[in-house]
N, C-alpha and C. Protein backbone atom coordinates (compact mmCIF):
# COMPACT_ATOMS: atom_id res chain seq x y z
N MET A 1 0.30 -11.41 -22.90
CA MET A 1 0.31 -10.92 -21.95
C MET A 1 -0.13 -9.63 -22.20
N PRO A 2 -0.71 -9.11 -21.03
CA PRO A 2 -1.64 -8.10 -21.25
C PRO A 2 -0.64 -6.68 -21.73
N PHE A 3 -0.71 -5.70 -22.11
CA PHE A 3 0.11 -4.66 -22.53
C PHE A 3 0.13 -3.44 -21.50
N SER A 4 0.85 -2.93 -20.47
CA SER A 4 0.99 -2.22 -19.61
C SER A 4 0.91 -0.84 -20.01
N ASP A 5 -0.47 -0.53 -20.12
CA ASP A 5 -0.53 0.82 -20.73
C ASP A 5 -1.56 1.70 -19.40
N TYR A 6 -1.87 2.69 -19.78
CA TYR A 6 -2.43 4.19 -18.88
C TYR A 6 -3.61 3.24 -17.87
N ALA A 7 -4.43 2.50 -18.79
CA ALA A 7 -5.75 2.31 -18.31
C ALA A 7 -5.45 1.09 -16.80
N LEU A 8 -4.08 0.21 -17.33
CA LEU A 8 -3.80 -0.67 -16.51
C LEU A 8 -3.26 0.04 -14.97
N ALA A 9 -2.42 1.07 -15.45
CA ALA A 9 -1.91 1.87 -14.55
C ALA A 9 -2.82 2.64 -13.63
N GLY A 10 -4.05 3.09 -14.01
CA GLY A 10 -4.46 3.41 -13.31
C GLY A 10 -5.70 2.55 -12.30
N ARG A 11 -5.68 1.24 -12.82
CA ARG A 11 -6.48 0.28 -12.14
C ARG A 11 -5.38 -0.10 -10.90
N LEU A 12 -4.31 -0.30 -11.55
CA LEU A 12 -3.11 -0.73 -10.14
C LEU A 12 -2.88 0.56 -9.14
N GLU A 13 -3.00 1.72 -9.67
CA GLU A 13 -2.71 2.90 -8.53
C GLU A 13 -4.20 2.93 -7.51
N LEU A 14 -5.51 2.76 -8.41
CA LEU A 14 -6.89 2.72 -7.50
C LEU A 14 -6.67 1.77 -6.51
N THR A 15 -6.24 0.49 -6.62
CA THR A 15 -6.14 -0.45 -6.22
C THR A 15 -5.57 -0.43 -4.67
N GLU A 16 -3.85 0.16 -4.92
CA GLU A 16 -3.21 0.58 -3.75
C GLU A 16 -3.83 1.68 -2.90
N GLY A 17 -4.33 2.75 -3.66
CA GLY A 17 -4.72 4.13 -3.04
C GLY A 17 -6.04 3.49 -2.22
N ARG A 18 -7.08 2.73 -2.52
CA ARG A 18 -8.00 2.40 -1.88
C ARG A 18 -7.94 1.33 -0.61
N GLY A 19 -6.49 0.58 -1.03
CA GLY A 19 -6.21 -0.22 0.17
C GLY A 19 -5.61 0.51 1.48
N ASN A 20 -5.00 1.63 1.25
CA ASN A 20 -4.31 2.61 1.93
C ASN A 20 -5.20 3.10 2.58
N ALA A 21 -6.37 3.77 1.85
CA ALA A 21 -7.40 4.49 2.41
C ALA A 21 -8.13 3.67 3.59
N ALA A 22 -8.52 2.48 3.13
CA ALA A 22 -9.19 2.11 3.91
C ALA A 22 -8.44 1.89 5.49
N PHE A 23 -6.95 1.69 5.14
CA PHE A 23 -6.30 1.63 6.83
C PHE A 23 -6.47 3.03 7.58
N VAL A 24 -5.99 3.87 6.68
CA VAL A 24 -6.52 5.20 7.14
C VAL A 24 -8.02 5.32 8.06
N GLU A 25 -8.79 4.84 7.60
CA GLU A 25 -10.03 5.10 8.00
C GLU A 25 -10.05 4.43 9.36
N ILE A 26 -9.47 3.01 8.97
CA ILE A 26 -9.81 2.59 10.74
C ILE A 26 -9.16 2.81 11.49
N GLN A 27 -7.56 3.58 11.18
CA GLN A 27 -7.02 4.04 12.19
C GLN A 27 -7.61 5.33 12.73
N GLN A 28 -8.22 6.27 11.82
CA GLN A 28 -8.98 7.40 12.59
C GLN A 28 -10.35 7.06 13.39
N ARG A 29 -11.05 5.83 12.93
CA ARG A 29 -12.01 5.19 13.99
C ARG A 29 -11.34 4.82 15.40
N ARG A 30 -10.20 3.99 15.49
CA ARG A 30 -9.68 3.42 16.20
C ARG A 30 -9.12 4.63 17.32
N ASN A 31 -8.38 5.62 16.72
CA ASN A 31 -7.82 6.68 17.33
C ASN A 31 -8.03 7.83 16.82
N PRO A 32 -9.12 8.63 17.04
CA PRO A 32 -9.36 9.98 16.29
C PRO A 32 -8.23 11.22 16.51
N ALA A 33 -7.62 10.73 17.88
CA ALA A 33 -6.78 11.70 17.92
C ALA A 33 -5.21 11.73 17.23
N SER A 34 -5.41 10.51 16.76
CA SER A 34 -3.88 10.42 15.36
C SER A 34 -4.01 11.53 14.49
N GLY A 35 -5.48 12.00 14.06
CA GLY A 35 -5.17 12.69 13.13
C GLY A 35 -5.29 11.96 11.78
N ALA A 36 -5.36 10.85 11.94
CA ALA A 36 -5.21 10.02 10.30
C ALA A 36 -6.71 10.66 9.32
N GLU A 37 -6.12 10.73 8.25
CA GLU A 37 -7.17 11.42 7.32
C GLU A 37 -6.85 10.99 5.92
N TRP A 38 -7.96 10.78 5.14
CA TRP A 38 -7.40 10.83 3.60
C TRP A 38 -8.54 11.79 2.84
N ARG A 39 -7.76 12.02 1.97
CA ARG A 39 -8.51 12.98 1.02
C ARG A 39 -8.32 12.94 -0.55
N ALA A 40 -9.44 13.11 -1.65
CA ALA A 40 -9.01 13.21 -3.41
C ALA A 40 -8.78 14.48 -3.39
N PHE A 41 -7.84 14.81 -4.14
CA PHE A 41 -7.63 15.97 -4.65
C PHE A 41 -7.79 15.68 -6.38
N GLY A 42 -8.53 16.12 -7.31
CA GLY A 42 -8.71 15.23 -8.58
C GLY A 42 -8.57 13.97 -8.85
N GLY A 43 -7.87 13.71 -9.27
CA GLY A 43 -7.32 11.99 -9.32
C GLY A 43 -6.60 11.29 -8.23
N THR A 44 -6.23 12.30 -7.31
CA THR A 44 -5.47 11.78 -6.61
C THR A 44 -5.68 11.88 -4.84
N LEU A 45 -5.31 10.44 -4.43
CA LEU A 45 -5.57 10.28 -2.95
C LEU A 45 -4.41 10.45 -2.43
N ALA A 46 -4.24 11.43 -1.21
CA ALA A 46 -3.57 12.43 -0.46
C ALA A 46 -3.75 11.21 1.03
N MET A 47 -2.90 10.78 1.29
CA MET A 47 -3.09 10.01 2.84
C MET A 47 -2.46 10.74 3.86
N PHE A 48 -2.93 10.77 4.89
CA PHE A 48 -2.24 11.00 6.34
C PHE A 48 -2.36 10.14 7.39
N SER A 49 -1.07 9.15 7.73
CA SER A 49 -1.36 8.45 8.96
C SER A 49 -0.19 8.69 9.90
N GLY A 50 0.07 10.08 10.14
CA GLY A 50 1.15 10.39 11.00
C GLY A 50 2.42 10.99 10.44
N VAL A 51 3.14 11.65 10.79
CA VAL A 51 4.18 12.35 10.35
C VAL A 51 5.26 11.21 10.60
N GLY A 52 5.80 11.09 9.32
CA GLY A 52 6.99 10.12 9.15
C GLY A 52 6.45 8.56 9.04
N SER A 53 4.97 8.47 9.08
CA SER A 53 4.67 6.95 8.61
C SER A 53 4.50 6.75 6.72
N PRO A 54 5.21 5.58 6.88
CA PRO A 54 5.25 4.92 5.57
C PRO A 54 4.25 5.40 4.39
N LEU A 55 2.83 5.10 5.09
CA LEU A 55 1.22 5.53 4.50
C LEU A 55 1.17 7.07 3.98
N THR A 56 2.19 8.04 4.65
CA THR A 56 1.67 9.39 4.42
C THR A 56 2.23 9.86 3.33
N GLN A 57 1.27 9.63 2.48
CA GLN A 57 1.64 10.00 0.97
C GLN A 57 0.80 9.92 0.24
N THR A 58 0.90 10.33 -1.22
CA THR A 58 0.03 10.52 -2.42
C THR A 58 -0.18 8.90 -2.86
N PHE A 59 -1.38 8.90 -3.83
CA PHE A 59 -1.38 7.68 -4.60
C PHE A 59 -2.21 8.30 -5.95
N GLY A 60 -1.40 7.81 -7.26
CA GLY A 60 -2.72 8.24 -8.40
C GLY A 60 -2.28 9.65 -8.91
N LEU A 61 -1.17 10.30 -8.59
CA LEU A 61 -0.88 11.48 -8.94
C LEU A 61 -0.68 11.56 -10.67
N GLY A 62 -1.35 12.36 -11.11
CA GLY A 62 -1.73 12.30 -12.83
C GLY A 62 -2.07 11.17 -13.68
N VAL A 63 -2.24 10.12 -12.84
CA VAL A 63 -2.77 8.95 -13.51
C VAL A 63 -4.42 8.78 -14.00
N GLY A 64 -4.97 9.19 -12.38
CA GLY A 64 -6.55 9.31 -12.27
C GLY A 64 -7.23 10.40 -12.91
N SER A 65 -6.60 11.71 -13.24
CA SER A 65 -6.94 12.50 -14.05
C SER A 65 -6.02 13.61 -14.15
N ALA A 66 -6.06 14.42 -15.36
CA ALA A 66 -4.70 15.81 -15.38
C ALA A 66 -4.80 16.02 -14.15
N LEU A 67 -3.24 16.60 -14.05
CA LEU A 67 -2.79 17.23 -12.92
C LEU A 67 -2.83 18.76 -13.14
N THR A 68 -3.14 19.45 -12.29
CA THR A 68 -3.17 21.07 -12.34
C THR A 68 -2.10 21.77 -10.99
N ASP A 69 -1.53 22.67 -11.15
CA ASP A 69 -0.82 23.37 -10.17
C ASP A 69 -2.33 23.25 -9.06
N ALA A 70 -3.27 23.64 -9.15
CA ALA A 70 -4.14 24.09 -8.10
C ALA A 70 -4.02 22.43 -7.35
N ASP A 71 -4.30 21.58 -7.85
CA ASP A 71 -4.26 20.41 -7.13
C ASP A 71 -3.19 20.30 -6.12
N LEU A 72 -2.05 20.52 -6.74
CA LEU A 72 -0.47 20.22 -6.01
C LEU A 72 -0.47 21.37 -4.81
N ASP A 73 -1.07 22.63 -5.53
CA ASP A 73 -1.07 23.29 -4.01
C ASP A 73 -2.15 23.10 -2.81
N ALA A 74 -3.40 22.37 -3.34
CA ALA A 74 -4.47 21.75 -2.33
C ALA A 74 -3.60 20.90 -1.64
N ILE A 75 -2.91 19.86 -2.16
CA ILE A 75 -2.12 18.82 -1.83
C ILE A 75 -0.95 19.32 -0.41
N GLU A 76 -0.37 20.06 -1.20
CA GLU A 76 0.58 20.51 -0.34
C GLU A 76 0.61 21.32 0.89
N SER A 77 -1.06 22.05 1.25
CA SER A 77 -1.58 22.65 2.05
C SER A 77 -2.07 21.55 3.11
N PHE A 78 -2.62 20.46 2.27
CA PHE A 78 -3.14 19.29 2.97
C PHE A 78 -2.23 18.72 3.74
N TYR A 79 -0.45 18.58 3.56
CA TYR A 79 0.22 17.90 4.37
C TYR A 79 0.73 19.16 5.24
N ALA A 80 0.71 20.20 4.83
CA ALA A 80 1.45 21.12 5.65
C ALA A 80 0.76 21.51 6.61
N ALA A 81 -0.65 21.52 6.67
CA ALA A 81 -1.69 22.07 8.06
C ALA A 81 -0.95 20.74 9.10
N ARG A 82 -0.71 19.39 8.54
CA ARG A 82 -0.45 18.41 9.49
C ARG A 82 1.08 18.45 9.67
N GLY A 83 1.71 19.18 9.56
CA GLY A 83 3.15 19.13 9.69
C GLY A 83 4.00 18.27 9.29
N SER A 84 3.54 17.87 8.03
CA SER A 84 4.14 16.64 7.52
C SER A 84 4.84 17.23 6.24
N ASP A 85 5.90 16.87 5.63
CA ASP A 85 6.61 16.86 4.35
C ASP A 85 5.64 16.05 3.22
N VAL A 86 5.80 16.13 1.95
CA VAL A 86 5.01 15.78 1.01
C VAL A 86 5.66 14.78 0.04
N PHE A 87 5.23 13.59 0.21
CA PHE A 87 5.75 12.32 -0.79
C PHE A 87 4.77 11.99 -1.79
N HIS A 88 5.11 11.96 -2.76
CA HIS A 88 4.43 11.50 -4.17
C HIS A 88 4.87 9.94 -4.53
N GLU A 89 4.10 9.04 -4.91
CA GLU A 89 4.64 8.01 -5.65
C GLU A 89 3.88 8.11 -6.78
N VAL A 90 4.61 8.10 -7.57
CA VAL A 90 4.26 8.56 -9.23
C VAL A 90 4.63 7.24 -9.99
N SER A 91 3.33 6.93 -11.05
CA SER A 91 3.77 6.20 -12.35
C SER A 91 4.52 6.73 -12.98
N PRO A 92 5.24 6.16 -13.75
CA PRO A 92 6.14 6.23 -14.73
C PRO A 92 5.06 6.85 -15.71
N LEU A 93 3.96 6.21 -16.22
CA LEU A 93 2.96 6.61 -17.00
C LEU A 93 2.05 7.79 -16.78
N ALA A 94 2.32 8.38 -15.55
CA ALA A 94 1.89 9.61 -15.38
C ALA A 94 2.02 10.78 -16.53
N GLY A 95 3.19 10.74 -17.41
CA GLY A 95 3.37 11.06 -18.38
C GLY A 95 4.57 12.66 -17.74
N VAL A 96 5.14 13.35 -18.99
CA VAL A 96 6.37 14.34 -18.89
C VAL A 96 5.60 15.56 -18.30
N ASP A 97 4.21 15.99 -18.44
CA ASP A 97 3.83 17.14 -17.88
C ASP A 97 3.73 17.01 -16.35
N VAL A 98 3.20 15.73 -15.81
CA VAL A 98 3.76 15.58 -14.36
C VAL A 98 4.73 15.86 -13.86
N PHE A 99 5.65 14.95 -14.30
CA PHE A 99 7.04 15.32 -13.75
C PHE A 99 7.63 16.33 -14.27
N ALA A 100 7.32 17.11 -15.16
CA ALA A 100 7.65 18.81 -15.26
C ALA A 100 7.18 19.47 -14.36
N ARG A 101 5.95 19.76 -13.97
CA ARG A 101 5.54 20.23 -12.85
C ARG A 101 6.21 20.13 -11.53
N LEU A 102 6.43 18.61 -10.98
CA LEU A 102 6.97 18.49 -9.98
C LEU A 102 8.45 19.05 -10.13
N ALA A 103 9.25 18.92 -10.99
CA ALA A 103 10.56 19.49 -10.94
C ALA A 103 10.54 20.85 -10.74
N ARG A 104 9.54 21.53 -11.31
CA ARG A 104 9.45 23.14 -11.42
C ARG A 104 9.42 23.26 -9.90
N ARG A 105 8.62 22.31 -9.25
CA ARG A 105 8.38 22.57 -7.46
C ARG A 105 9.27 22.31 -6.58
N GLY A 106 10.27 21.76 -7.42
CA GLY A 106 11.34 21.65 -6.70
C GLY A 106 11.56 19.95 -5.88
N TYR A 107 10.50 19.29 -6.48
CA TYR A 107 10.75 17.68 -6.24
C TYR A 107 11.80 16.88 -6.90
N GLN A 108 12.38 16.05 -6.23
CA GLN A 108 13.32 15.14 -6.72
C GLN A 108 13.14 13.53 -6.45
N PRO A 109 13.36 12.86 -7.18
CA PRO A 109 12.89 11.41 -7.15
C PRO A 109 13.84 10.64 -6.08
N VAL A 110 13.43 9.50 -5.12
CA VAL A 110 14.28 9.50 -4.37
C VAL A 110 14.22 7.72 -4.19
N GLU A 111 13.25 7.23 -5.20
CA GLU A 111 13.21 5.69 -5.22
C GLU A 111 12.27 5.44 -6.56
N LEU A 112 12.76 4.23 -7.02
CA LEU A 112 12.37 3.58 -8.04
C LEU A 112 11.24 2.14 -7.88
N SER A 113 10.12 2.24 -7.70
CA SER A 113 9.60 0.76 -7.70
C SER A 113 8.91 0.04 -8.84
N SER A 114 9.19 -0.95 -8.70
CA SER A 114 8.57 -1.86 -9.93
C SER A 114 7.46 -2.97 -9.28
N VAL A 115 6.07 -2.77 -10.21
CA VAL A 115 4.99 -3.29 -9.73
C VAL A 115 4.62 -4.33 -10.67
N MET A 116 4.97 -5.49 -10.32
CA MET A 116 4.55 -7.02 -11.04
C MET A 116 3.21 -7.20 -10.80
N PHE A 117 2.68 -7.57 -12.36
CA PHE A 117 1.25 -7.81 -12.29
C PHE A 117 1.00 -9.59 -13.20
N ARG A 118 0.48 -9.95 -13.06
CA ARG A 118 -0.36 -11.09 -13.86
C ARG A 118 -1.92 -11.27 -13.96
N PRO A 119 -2.35 -11.63 -15.31
CA PRO A 119 -3.66 -12.08 -15.23
C PRO A 119 -3.78 -13.67 -14.53
N LEU A 120 -5.31 -13.50 -14.03
CA LEU A 120 -5.53 -15.02 -13.15
C LEU A 120 -6.41 -15.78 -14.34
N ASP A 121 -6.17 -16.54 -15.35
CA ASP A 121 -7.02 -17.18 -16.27
C ASP A 121 -7.29 -18.81 -15.89
N GLY A 122 -6.59 -19.03 -14.85
CA GLY A 122 -6.86 -20.33 -14.36
C GLY A 122 -6.39 -21.93 -15.41
N ARG A 123 -5.13 -21.10 -16.06
CA ARG A 123 -4.57 -22.03 -17.07
C ARG A 123 -3.29 -22.51 -16.72
N ASP A 124 -2.60 -22.20 -15.42
CA ASP A 124 -1.68 -22.58 -15.09
C ASP A 124 -1.30 -23.98 -14.49
N GLY A 125 -2.31 -24.96 -14.51
CA GLY A 125 -2.17 -25.91 -13.98
C GLY A 125 -1.42 -26.39 -12.36
N ALA A 126 -1.35 -27.21 -12.14
CA ALA A 126 -0.86 -27.85 -10.67
C ALA A 126 0.75 -26.94 -10.55
N ILE A 127 1.01 -26.38 -9.32
CA ILE A 127 2.13 -25.88 -8.81
C ILE A 127 3.04 -26.98 -8.02
N GLU A 128 4.16 -27.38 -8.13
CA GLU A 128 4.64 -28.15 -7.03
C GLU A 128 5.00 -27.29 -5.91
N VAL A 129 4.55 -28.07 -4.89
CA VAL A 129 4.73 -27.44 -3.41
C VAL A 129 5.51 -28.06 -2.32
N ASN A 130 6.55 -27.62 -1.71
CA ASN A 130 7.08 -28.14 -0.66
C ASN A 130 6.32 -28.82 0.40
N PRO A 131 6.10 -30.50 0.43
CA PRO A 131 5.04 -30.80 1.49
C PRO A 131 5.05 -30.25 3.04
N ARG A 132 6.37 -29.69 2.95
CA ARG A 132 6.52 -29.08 4.37
C ARG A 132 5.88 -28.15 5.16
N LEU A 133 5.47 -26.86 3.79
CA LEU A 133 4.81 -26.05 4.08
C LEU A 133 3.19 -25.97 3.60
N ARG A 134 2.59 -25.06 4.57
CA ARG A 134 1.19 -25.01 4.52
C ARG A 134 0.74 -23.32 4.48
N VAL A 135 0.17 -23.15 3.34
CA VAL A 135 -0.44 -21.85 3.21
C VAL A 135 -1.78 -21.53 3.65
N ARG A 136 -2.05 -20.90 4.33
CA ARG A 136 -3.62 -20.42 4.62
C ARG A 136 -4.05 -19.29 5.32
N ALA A 137 -5.58 -18.74 5.07
CA ALA A 137 -5.96 -17.54 5.93
C ALA A 137 -6.15 -17.67 7.28
N ILE A 138 -5.71 -16.73 7.82
CA ILE A 138 -5.96 -16.76 9.33
C ILE A 138 -7.28 -16.99 9.98
N GLU A 139 -7.34 -17.08 11.10
CA GLU A 139 -8.58 -17.55 11.88
C GLU A 139 -8.90 -15.89 12.24
N PRO A 140 -10.44 -15.57 12.84
CA PRO A 140 -10.55 -14.28 13.05
C PRO A 140 -9.86 -14.02 14.51
N ASP A 141 -9.50 -15.06 15.38
CA ASP A 141 -8.84 -14.97 16.69
C ASP A 141 -7.07 -14.82 16.61
N GLU A 142 -6.89 -14.52 15.23
CA GLU A 142 -5.29 -14.86 15.14
C GLU A 142 -4.53 -13.43 14.72
N ALA A 143 -5.13 -12.13 14.86
CA ALA A 143 -4.62 -11.16 14.51
C ALA A 143 -3.08 -10.81 15.69
N GLY A 144 -3.13 -11.40 16.36
CA GLY A 144 -2.41 -11.02 17.52
C GLY A 144 -1.14 -12.07 16.62
N LEU A 145 -1.37 -13.33 16.32
CA LEU A 145 0.02 -14.23 15.23
C LEU A 145 0.19 -13.53 14.50
N PHE A 146 -0.66 -12.98 13.61
CA PHE A 146 -0.26 -12.36 12.31
C PHE A 146 0.76 -11.37 12.54
N ALA A 147 0.25 -10.37 13.50
CA ALA A 147 0.92 -8.91 13.72
C ALA A 147 2.21 -9.35 14.25
N SER A 148 2.56 -10.40 15.20
CA SER A 148 3.42 -10.58 15.77
C SER A 148 4.42 -11.16 14.91
N VAL A 149 4.15 -12.14 13.91
CA VAL A 149 5.07 -12.90 12.77
C VAL A 149 5.50 -11.79 11.81
N SER A 150 4.33 -10.92 11.33
CA SER A 150 4.96 -9.85 10.60
C SER A 150 5.78 -9.19 10.98
N ALA A 151 6.23 -8.53 12.28
CA ALA A 151 6.94 -7.70 12.95
C ALA A 151 8.35 -8.40 13.05
N ARG A 152 8.40 -9.43 13.34
CA ARG A 152 9.58 -10.61 13.71
C ARG A 152 10.33 -10.63 12.13
N GLY A 153 9.61 -10.73 10.86
CA GLY A 153 9.77 -10.92 9.82
C GLY A 153 11.15 -9.32 9.57
N TRP A 154 10.86 -8.15 10.03
CA TRP A 154 11.28 -6.93 9.92
C TRP A 154 12.44 -6.74 11.16
N SER A 155 13.09 -7.81 11.62
CA SER A 155 13.75 -7.91 12.96
C SER A 155 15.21 -7.04 12.80
N GLU A 156 15.48 -7.23 11.38
CA GLU A 156 16.88 -6.53 11.01
C GLU A 156 16.67 -5.01 10.85
N SER A 157 15.05 -4.44 10.74
CA SER A 157 15.02 -3.09 10.94
C SER A 157 14.21 -3.00 11.80
N THR A 158 14.51 -2.37 13.34
CA THR A 158 14.21 -2.14 14.32
C THR A 158 12.79 -0.99 14.32
N GLU A 159 13.82 0.07 13.70
CA GLU A 159 13.08 1.40 13.72
C GLU A 159 11.69 0.91 13.15
N VAL A 160 11.31 0.08 12.32
CA VAL A 160 9.73 0.19 11.71
C VAL A 160 9.10 -1.14 12.49
N GLN A 161 9.49 -1.68 13.32
CA GLN A 161 8.82 -2.89 13.82
C GLN A 161 7.28 -2.68 14.29
N ALA A 162 7.33 -1.71 15.12
CA ALA A 162 6.11 -1.24 15.76
C ALA A 162 5.17 -0.70 14.73
N PHE A 163 6.02 -0.06 13.58
CA PHE A 163 4.64 0.20 12.46
C PHE A 163 4.72 -1.11 11.98
N ILE A 164 4.98 -1.85 11.56
CA ILE A 164 4.44 -3.42 11.31
C ILE A 164 3.21 -3.71 11.86
N ASP A 165 3.91 -4.12 13.28
CA ASP A 165 3.13 -4.55 13.85
C ASP A 165 1.50 -3.89 14.01
N GLY A 166 1.46 -2.69 14.13
CA GLY A 166 0.29 -1.68 14.03
C GLY A 166 -0.63 -2.01 12.70
N PHE A 167 0.20 -2.14 11.54
CA PHE A 167 -0.45 -2.06 10.38
C PHE A 167 -0.53 -3.52 10.46
N ALA A 168 -0.33 -4.48 10.86
CA ALA A 168 -0.69 -5.69 10.47
C ALA A 168 -2.13 -6.07 11.45
N ARG A 169 -1.96 -5.46 12.62
CA ARG A 169 -3.45 -5.75 13.14
C ARG A 169 -4.33 -5.25 12.74
N VAL A 170 -4.39 -3.83 11.90
CA VAL A 170 -5.16 -3.11 11.39
C VAL A 170 -5.63 -3.76 9.91
N SER A 171 -4.59 -4.34 9.18
CA SER A 171 -5.07 -5.13 7.82
C SER A 171 -5.87 -6.15 8.08
N VAL A 172 -6.02 -6.86 8.86
CA VAL A 172 -6.85 -7.65 9.29
C VAL A 172 -8.17 -7.60 9.20
N GLU A 173 -8.84 -6.23 9.42
CA GLU A 173 -10.18 -5.84 9.41
C GLU A 173 -10.65 -5.35 7.84
N TYR A 174 -9.64 -5.28 7.20
CA TYR A 174 -10.17 -4.97 5.34
C TYR A 174 -9.10 -5.73 4.38
N ALA A 175 -8.37 -6.63 4.87
CA ALA A 175 -7.67 -7.50 3.65
C ALA A 175 -7.81 -8.99 4.22
N THR A 176 -7.34 -9.89 3.27
CA THR A 176 -7.57 -11.29 3.47
C THR A 176 -6.07 -11.46 3.94
N CYS A 177 -6.20 -11.90 4.98
CA CYS A 177 -4.50 -12.21 5.44
C CYS A 177 -3.97 -13.36 5.53
N ILE A 178 -3.07 -13.86 5.07
CA ILE A 178 -2.53 -14.85 4.94
C ILE A 178 -1.11 -15.42 5.99
N VAL A 179 -0.94 -16.74 6.15
CA VAL A 179 0.21 -16.93 7.00
C VAL A 179 0.82 -18.44 6.09
N ALA A 180 2.10 -18.45 6.00
CA ALA A 180 2.96 -19.62 5.64
C ALA A 180 3.30 -20.66 7.11
N GLU A 181 3.17 -21.60 6.96
CA GLU A 181 3.92 -22.52 8.05
C GLU A 181 4.63 -23.60 7.66
N CYS A 182 5.56 -23.72 8.11
CA CYS A 182 6.68 -24.57 8.29
C CYS A 182 6.58 -25.91 9.37
N ASP A 183 6.34 -27.37 9.23
CA ASP A 183 5.87 -28.54 9.96
C ASP A 183 5.34 -27.51 11.52
N GLY A 184 4.52 -26.89 11.33
CA GLY A 184 3.75 -26.18 11.93
C GLY A 184 3.87 -24.79 12.34
N ALA A 185 4.97 -24.66 12.33
CA ALA A 185 5.60 -23.14 12.85
C ALA A 185 5.59 -21.92 11.63
N THR A 186 4.39 -21.20 12.39
CA THR A 186 4.42 -19.93 11.19
C THR A 186 5.65 -19.12 11.37
N ILE A 187 5.88 -18.74 10.13
CA ILE A 187 7.48 -18.58 9.34
C ILE A 187 6.89 -17.09 8.40
N ALA A 188 5.90 -16.77 7.91
CA ALA A 188 5.90 -16.01 7.05
C ALA A 188 4.37 -15.22 6.89
N THR A 189 4.11 -13.96 6.70
CA THR A 189 2.90 -13.54 6.41
C THR A 189 2.73 -12.59 5.18
N ALA A 190 1.40 -12.67 4.54
CA ALA A 190 1.25 -11.81 3.24
C ALA A 190 -0.23 -11.18 3.70
N ALA A 191 -0.85 -10.49 2.63
CA ALA A 191 -2.20 -10.00 2.85
C ALA A 191 -2.51 -9.57 1.54
N MET A 192 -3.61 -9.72 0.87
CA MET A 192 -4.47 -9.64 -0.28
C MET A 192 -5.65 -8.54 0.03
N PHE A 193 -5.30 -7.55 -0.78
CA PHE A 193 -6.49 -6.25 -0.89
C PHE A 193 -7.18 -6.43 -2.19
N SER A 194 -8.46 -6.28 -2.62
CA SER A 194 -9.12 -6.07 -3.58
C SER A 194 -9.99 -5.00 -3.97
N CYS A 195 -9.69 -4.82 -5.00
CA CYS A 195 -10.63 -3.53 -5.69
C CYS A 195 -10.58 -3.34 -7.29
N ASN A 196 -11.53 -3.18 -7.46
CA ASN A 196 -11.31 -2.94 -9.34
C ASN A 196 -11.00 -4.37 -10.03
N GLY A 197 -11.18 -5.17 -9.66
CA GLY A 197 -11.07 -6.30 -10.11
C GLY A 197 -9.60 -6.65 -10.34
N VAL A 198 -8.75 -6.28 -9.30
CA VAL A 198 -7.40 -6.12 -9.00
C VAL A 198 -7.57 -6.54 -7.80
N GLY A 199 -6.60 -7.67 -7.48
CA GLY A 199 -6.23 -8.33 -5.94
C GLY A 199 -4.23 -8.09 -5.99
N LEU A 200 -4.38 -6.98 -4.75
CA LEU A 200 -3.28 -6.45 -4.45
C LEU A 200 -2.64 -7.27 -3.14
N LEU A 201 -1.56 -8.03 -3.91
CA LEU A 201 -0.65 -8.50 -2.77
C LEU A 201 0.64 -7.84 -2.19
N ALA A 202 0.09 -7.64 -0.86
CA ALA A 202 1.53 -6.95 0.01
C ALA A 202 1.61 -7.35 1.29
N GLY A 203 2.33 -6.80 2.26
CA GLY A 203 2.51 -6.82 3.26
C GLY A 203 3.37 -8.17 3.77
N ALA A 204 4.22 -8.86 2.53
CA ALA A 204 4.95 -9.89 2.72
C ALA A 204 6.40 -9.58 3.66
N SER A 205 6.16 -10.58 4.70
CA SER A 205 7.28 -10.77 5.80
C SER A 205 7.75 -11.98 6.19
N THR A 206 8.93 -12.17 5.80
CA THR A 206 9.26 -13.68 6.43
C THR A 206 10.31 -14.10 7.55
N VAL A 207 9.61 -14.40 8.70
CA VAL A 207 10.91 -14.81 9.55
C VAL A 207 12.22 -15.24 9.08
């Protein structure tokens, strides 16, 4: 197994950040009035996808390059100008100095997330699959199907269904979007975005 070091953390952070940046760019192109925009501050990518959007946050804080108070000032101004609170998604490998800077500025942790990864070296062999299931990439005209199934998978959280539907429709423009079928009925979705030799698996939703 590869060691979970600073270099790997940087690759993972960059892939997720670039994936979200691609979404924001398409959102801005489709709807300029949304104010969607992203910027790089040092090694940090700051996304704005609308006030309250799950994508309105930073990626790569303190991992792409050393974090300074000037960077944080600029990031906070970026969000303040758009009427948004500031949310940082921070890797534990960002280091003690990053967390100390955030603490001095009044930030508090609200969530812990684990990113699972594995190298693909082609040595796994065959995997047993339920014969009732079929997994495939969607066709170009199936964006509506992909979006509707993605949203249905979040039916217990009605407050995010509209966001999921919109996010899924945009995802088909920059990611490899996948559906799973059981006896011919579409029951699940997922997507993969590739950058820097990393395939980010995200957007999983099961009806």
